Amino acid sequence: MMKVFIGSVVVLLIIGVGIWLMLSPSFKKVGETASKVKEQFKEEENGDNNTEKEKQRNE
């Protein structure tokens, strides 16, 4: 009986943390940072300098 109770509490905590991360602004920041890093890797992989894109970002 106690194992079932402890397991249920652990599952609820994991679900709660997941929902909190999805609703949290910090989760959005992590996603934005990940997409920026992904873009940089794509640029390096293609070997493009893409100065035009950099100019648009700075404007």
Protein backbone atom coordinates (compact mmCIF):
# COMPACT_ATOMS: atom_id res chain seq x y z
CA MET A 1 0.00 0.00 0.00
CA MET A 2 2.79 2.43 0.87
CA LYS A 3 4.64 1.67 -2.39
CA VAL A 4 1.57 2.61 -4.41
CA PHE A 5 1.21 5.89 -2.51
CA ILE A 6 4.89 6.82 -2.95
CA GLY A 7 4.78 5.89 -6.65
CA SER A 8 1.68 8.01 -7.18
CA VAL A 9 3.29 11.01 -5.48
CA VAL A 10 6.45 10.64 -7.62
CA VAL A 11 4.41 10.45 -10.84
CA LEU A 12 2.39 13.53 -9.86
CA LEU A 13 5.59 15.44 -9.08
CA ILE A 14 7.10 14.54 -12.46
CA ILE A 15 3.92 15.64 -14.27
CA GLY A 16 3.83 18.86 -12.23
CA VAL A 17 7.44 19.71 -13.08
CA GLY A 18 6.74 19.06 -16.76
CA ILE A 19 3.74 21.37 -16.80
CA TRP A 20 5.68 24.03 -14.88
CA LEU A 21 8.50 23.90 -17.43
CA MET A 22 6.08 24.27 -20.33
CA LEU A 23 4.40 27.29 -18.76
CA SER A 24 7.59 28.85 -17.43
CA PRO A 25 9.20 31.79 -19.26
CA SER A 26 12.62 30.22 -18.67
CA PHE A 27 11.56 27.27 -20.85
CA LYS A 28 10.93 29.72 -23.70
CA LYS A 29 14.38 31.26 -23.20
CA VAL A 30 15.98 27.81 -23.36
CA GLY A 31 14.12 27.10 -26.61
CA GLU A 32 15.20 30.40 -28.16
CA THR A 33 18.82 29.77 -27.21
CA ALA A 34 18.66 26.27 -28.65
CA SER A 35 17.27 27.56 -31.96
CA LYS A 36 20.04 30.19 -32.19
CA VAL A 37 22.70 27.53 -31.61
CA LYS A 38 21.04 25.31 -34.21
CA GLU A 39 21.13 28.16 -36.77
CA GLN A 40 24.82 28.75 -36.08
CA PHE A 41 25.60 25.07 -36.64
CA LYS A 42 23.67 25.14 -39.94
CA GLU A 43 25.61 28.21 -41.10
CA GLU A 44 28.93 26.61 -40.22
CA GLU A 45 27.92 23.38 -41.92
CA ASN A 46 26.97 25.18 -45.15
CA GLY A 47 30.09 27.31 -45.04
CA ASP A 48 28.08 30.47 -45.72
CA ASN A 49 29.13 33.78 -44.24
CA ASN A 50 25.57 35.13 -44.47
CA THR A 51 26.55 38.73 -43.81
CA GLU A 52 23.16 39.80 -45.14
CA LYS A 53 21.33 37.87 -42.42
CA GLU A 54 23.61 39.29 -39.74
CA LYS A 55 22.89 42.83 -40.97
CA GLN A 56 19.13 42.19 -40.75
CA ARG A 57 19.49 40.89 -37.18
CA ASN A 58 21.41 43.99 -36.07
CA GLU A 59 18.84 46.43 -37.51
